[in-house]
Amino acid sequence: MPKIKTHKGTKKVLKVRKSGKVKMYCPGSRHNTGSKPTKFNRKNRKGNSLSKADRNRLKNVI
């Protein structure tokens, strides 16, 4: 059985923390932020973590 290759695009976007949680950045905070509400931009500065269901789904990809 061959090894499963890491998906490089996913690897660049997601980071695995020490606790095993997967850190990701909020969508919608890369460009055109001037037209978005300030509250939205402020809230999106912090990273998010993937849900447990998504973590299990992407375990082999990362």
N, C-alpha and C. Protein backbone atom coordinates (compact mmCIF):
# COMPACT_ATOMS: atom_id res chain seq x y z
N MET A 1 0.84 -1.18 0.00
CA MET A 1 0.00 0.00 0.00
C MET A 1 0.89 1.25 0.00
N PRO A 2 0.74 2.15 -0.98
CA PRO A 2 1.60 3.34 -1.03
C PRO A 2 1.22 4.36 0.05
N LYS A 3 2.17 5.22 0.35
CA LYS A 3 1.93 6.26 1.34
C LYS A 3 0.96 7.29 0.77
N ILE A 4 0.20 7.95 1.64
CA ILE A 4 -0.71 9.01 1.21
C ILE A 4 0.08 10.31 1.15
N LYS A 5 0.03 10.99 0.01
CA LYS A 5 0.76 12.24 -0.15
C LYS A 5 0.04 13.37 0.56
N THR A 6 0.81 14.31 1.08
CA THR A 6 0.28 15.50 1.72
C THR A 6 -0.24 16.44 0.64
N HIS A 7 -1.43 17.02 0.85
CA HIS A 7 -1.97 18.01 -0.08
C HIS A 7 -1.30 19.34 0.24
N LYS A 8 -0.45 19.82 -0.65
CA LYS A 8 0.38 20.99 -0.37
C LYS A 8 -0.42 22.28 -0.19
N GLY A 9 -1.52 22.42 -0.93
CA GLY A 9 -2.36 23.62 -0.78
C GLY A 9 -2.99 23.69 0.60
N THR A 10 -3.44 22.55 1.11
CA THR A 10 -4.04 22.49 2.44
C THR A 10 -2.98 22.70 3.50
N LYS A 11 -1.81 22.16 3.29
CA LYS A 11 -0.73 22.28 4.26
C LYS A 11 -0.33 23.74 4.48
N LYS A 12 -0.40 24.55 3.42
CA LYS A 12 -0.02 25.96 3.52
C LYS A 12 -1.07 26.78 4.25
N VAL A 13 -2.31 26.33 4.27
CA VAL A 13 -3.40 27.10 4.87
C VAL A 13 -3.65 26.71 6.32
N LEU A 14 -3.48 25.43 6.65
CA LEU A 14 -3.79 24.94 7.99
C LEU A 14 -2.51 24.63 8.77
N LYS A 15 -2.53 24.94 10.07
CA LYS A 15 -1.41 24.63 10.95
C LYS A 15 -1.93 23.79 12.11
N VAL A 16 -1.17 22.77 12.48
CA VAL A 16 -1.58 21.90 13.59
C VAL A 16 -0.93 22.42 14.87
N ARG A 17 -1.75 22.68 15.89
CA ARG A 17 -1.25 23.16 17.18
C ARG A 17 -0.76 21.99 18.02
N LYS A 18 -0.09 22.30 19.14
CA LYS A 18 0.44 21.26 20.03
C LYS A 18 -0.66 20.37 20.58
N SER A 19 -1.82 20.97 20.84
CA SER A 19 -2.93 20.21 21.42
C SER A 19 -3.59 19.27 20.40
N GLY A 20 -3.24 19.43 19.13
CA GLY A 20 -3.83 18.59 18.09
C GLY A 20 -4.93 19.32 17.33
N LYS A 21 -5.34 20.51 17.83
CA LYS A 21 -6.34 21.29 17.10
C LYS A 21 -5.70 21.86 15.84
N VAL A 22 -6.52 22.13 14.85
CA VAL A 22 -6.02 22.65 13.57
C VAL A 22 -6.42 24.10 13.46
N LYS A 23 -5.42 24.98 13.30
CA LYS A 23 -5.63 26.41 13.21
C LYS A 23 -5.82 26.81 11.75
N MET A 24 -6.77 27.70 11.49
CA MET A 24 -6.98 28.22 10.14
C MET A 24 -7.32 29.70 10.23
N TYR A 25 -7.16 30.40 9.14
CA TYR A 25 -7.49 31.81 9.10
C TYR A 25 -8.93 31.98 8.63
N CYS A 26 -9.54 33.09 9.04
CA CYS A 26 -10.94 33.34 8.68
C CYS A 26 -11.05 33.69 7.20
N PRO A 27 -12.05 33.16 6.52
CA PRO A 27 -12.25 33.54 5.13
C PRO A 27 -12.80 34.96 5.02
N GLY A 28 -12.48 35.61 3.92
CA GLY A 28 -13.00 36.95 3.68
C GLY A 28 -12.15 38.06 4.24
N SER A 29 -10.94 37.75 4.70
CA SER A 29 -10.11 38.80 5.32
C SER A 29 -8.82 39.06 4.53
N ARG A 30 -8.78 38.65 3.27
CA ARG A 30 -7.55 38.82 2.48
C ARG A 30 -7.55 40.14 1.69
N HIS A 31 -8.66 40.44 1.02
CA HIS A 31 -8.70 41.66 0.20
C HIS A 31 -10.10 42.25 0.24
N ASN A 32 -10.22 43.49 -0.26
CA ASN A 32 -11.49 44.25 -0.27
C ASN A 32 -12.05 44.42 1.14
N THR A 33 -11.18 44.63 2.11
CA THR A 33 -11.66 44.76 3.49
C THR A 33 -12.18 46.17 3.79
N GLY A 34 -11.88 47.12 2.90
CA GLY A 34 -12.36 48.49 3.12
C GLY A 34 -13.86 48.61 3.01
N SER A 35 -14.46 47.77 2.17
CA SER A 35 -15.91 47.84 1.98
C SER A 35 -16.66 46.96 2.97
N LYS A 36 -15.94 46.18 3.77
CA LYS A 36 -16.58 45.30 4.76
C LYS A 36 -16.67 46.03 6.09
N PRO A 37 -17.64 45.66 6.94
CA PRO A 37 -17.78 46.33 8.22
C PRO A 37 -16.55 46.17 9.11
N THR A 38 -16.25 47.19 9.90
CA THR A 38 -15.08 47.16 10.78
C THR A 38 -15.17 46.03 11.78
N LYS A 39 -16.37 45.77 12.25
CA LYS A 39 -16.58 44.69 13.22
C LYS A 39 -16.18 43.34 12.61
N PHE A 40 -16.53 43.15 11.36
CA PHE A 40 -16.19 41.92 10.65
C PHE A 40 -14.67 41.77 10.54
N ASN A 41 -13.99 42.86 10.15
CA ASN A 41 -12.53 42.83 10.00
C ASN A 41 -11.84 42.57 11.33
N ARG A 42 -12.33 43.19 12.39
CA ARG A 42 -11.74 43.05 13.71
C ARG A 42 -11.90 41.61 14.22
N LYS A 43 -13.08 41.06 14.00
CA LYS A 43 -13.38 39.70 14.44
C LYS A 43 -12.54 38.67 13.69
N ASN A 44 -12.22 38.96 12.43
CA ASN A 44 -11.49 38.00 11.60
C ASN A 44 -9.98 38.04 11.76
N ARG A 45 -9.46 38.97 12.57
CA ARG A 45 -8.00 39.02 12.78
C ARG A 45 -7.52 37.79 13.51
N LYS A 46 -8.33 37.31 14.43
CA LYS A 46 -7.99 36.10 15.17
C LYS A 46 -8.20 34.90 14.27
N GLY A 47 -7.44 33.86 14.50
CA GLY A 47 -7.63 32.64 13.72
C GLY A 47 -8.80 31.83 14.26
N ASN A 48 -9.22 30.89 13.49
CA ASN A 48 -10.26 29.94 13.88
C ASN A 48 -9.63 28.57 14.04
N SER A 49 -10.37 27.65 14.63
CA SER A 49 -9.89 26.27 14.63
C SER A 49 -10.96 25.41 13.95
N LEU A 50 -10.51 24.38 13.28
CA LEU A 50 -11.42 23.48 12.57
C LEU A 50 -12.28 22.71 13.55
N SER A 51 -13.48 22.38 13.13
CA SER A 51 -14.36 21.56 13.97
C SER A 51 -13.82 20.14 14.01
N LYS A 52 -14.29 19.37 14.97
CA LYS A 52 -13.81 18.00 15.15
C LYS A 52 -14.13 17.14 13.92
N ALA A 53 -15.31 17.36 13.34
CA ALA A 53 -15.71 16.59 12.16
C ALA A 53 -14.79 16.88 10.98
N ASP A 54 -14.47 18.17 10.76
CA ASP A 54 -13.58 18.53 9.67
C ASP A 54 -12.16 18.04 9.92
N ARG A 55 -11.75 18.06 11.20
CA ARG A 55 -10.41 17.58 11.56
C ARG A 55 -10.26 16.10 11.20
N ASN A 56 -11.27 15.31 11.52
CA ASN A 56 -11.23 13.89 11.18
C ASN A 56 -11.23 13.66 9.68
N ARG A 57 -11.95 14.51 8.95
CA ARG A 57 -12.03 14.37 7.50
C ARG A 57 -10.70 14.70 6.83
N LEU A 58 -9.99 15.68 7.37
CA LEU A 58 -8.74 16.14 6.75
C LEU A 58 -7.49 15.55 7.38
N LYS A 59 -7.65 14.58 8.26
CA LYS A 59 -6.50 14.02 8.99
C LYS A 59 -5.45 13.43 8.05
N ASN A 60 -5.88 12.75 7.00
CA ASN A 60 -4.93 12.12 6.08
C ASN A 60 -4.34 13.10 5.09
N VAL A 61 -4.98 14.23 4.90
CA VAL A 61 -4.54 15.20 3.89
C VAL A 61 -3.37 16.04 4.39
N ILE A 62 -3.42 16.39 5.69
CA ILE A 62 -2.40 17.30 6.25
C ILE A 62 -1.10 16.53 6.50
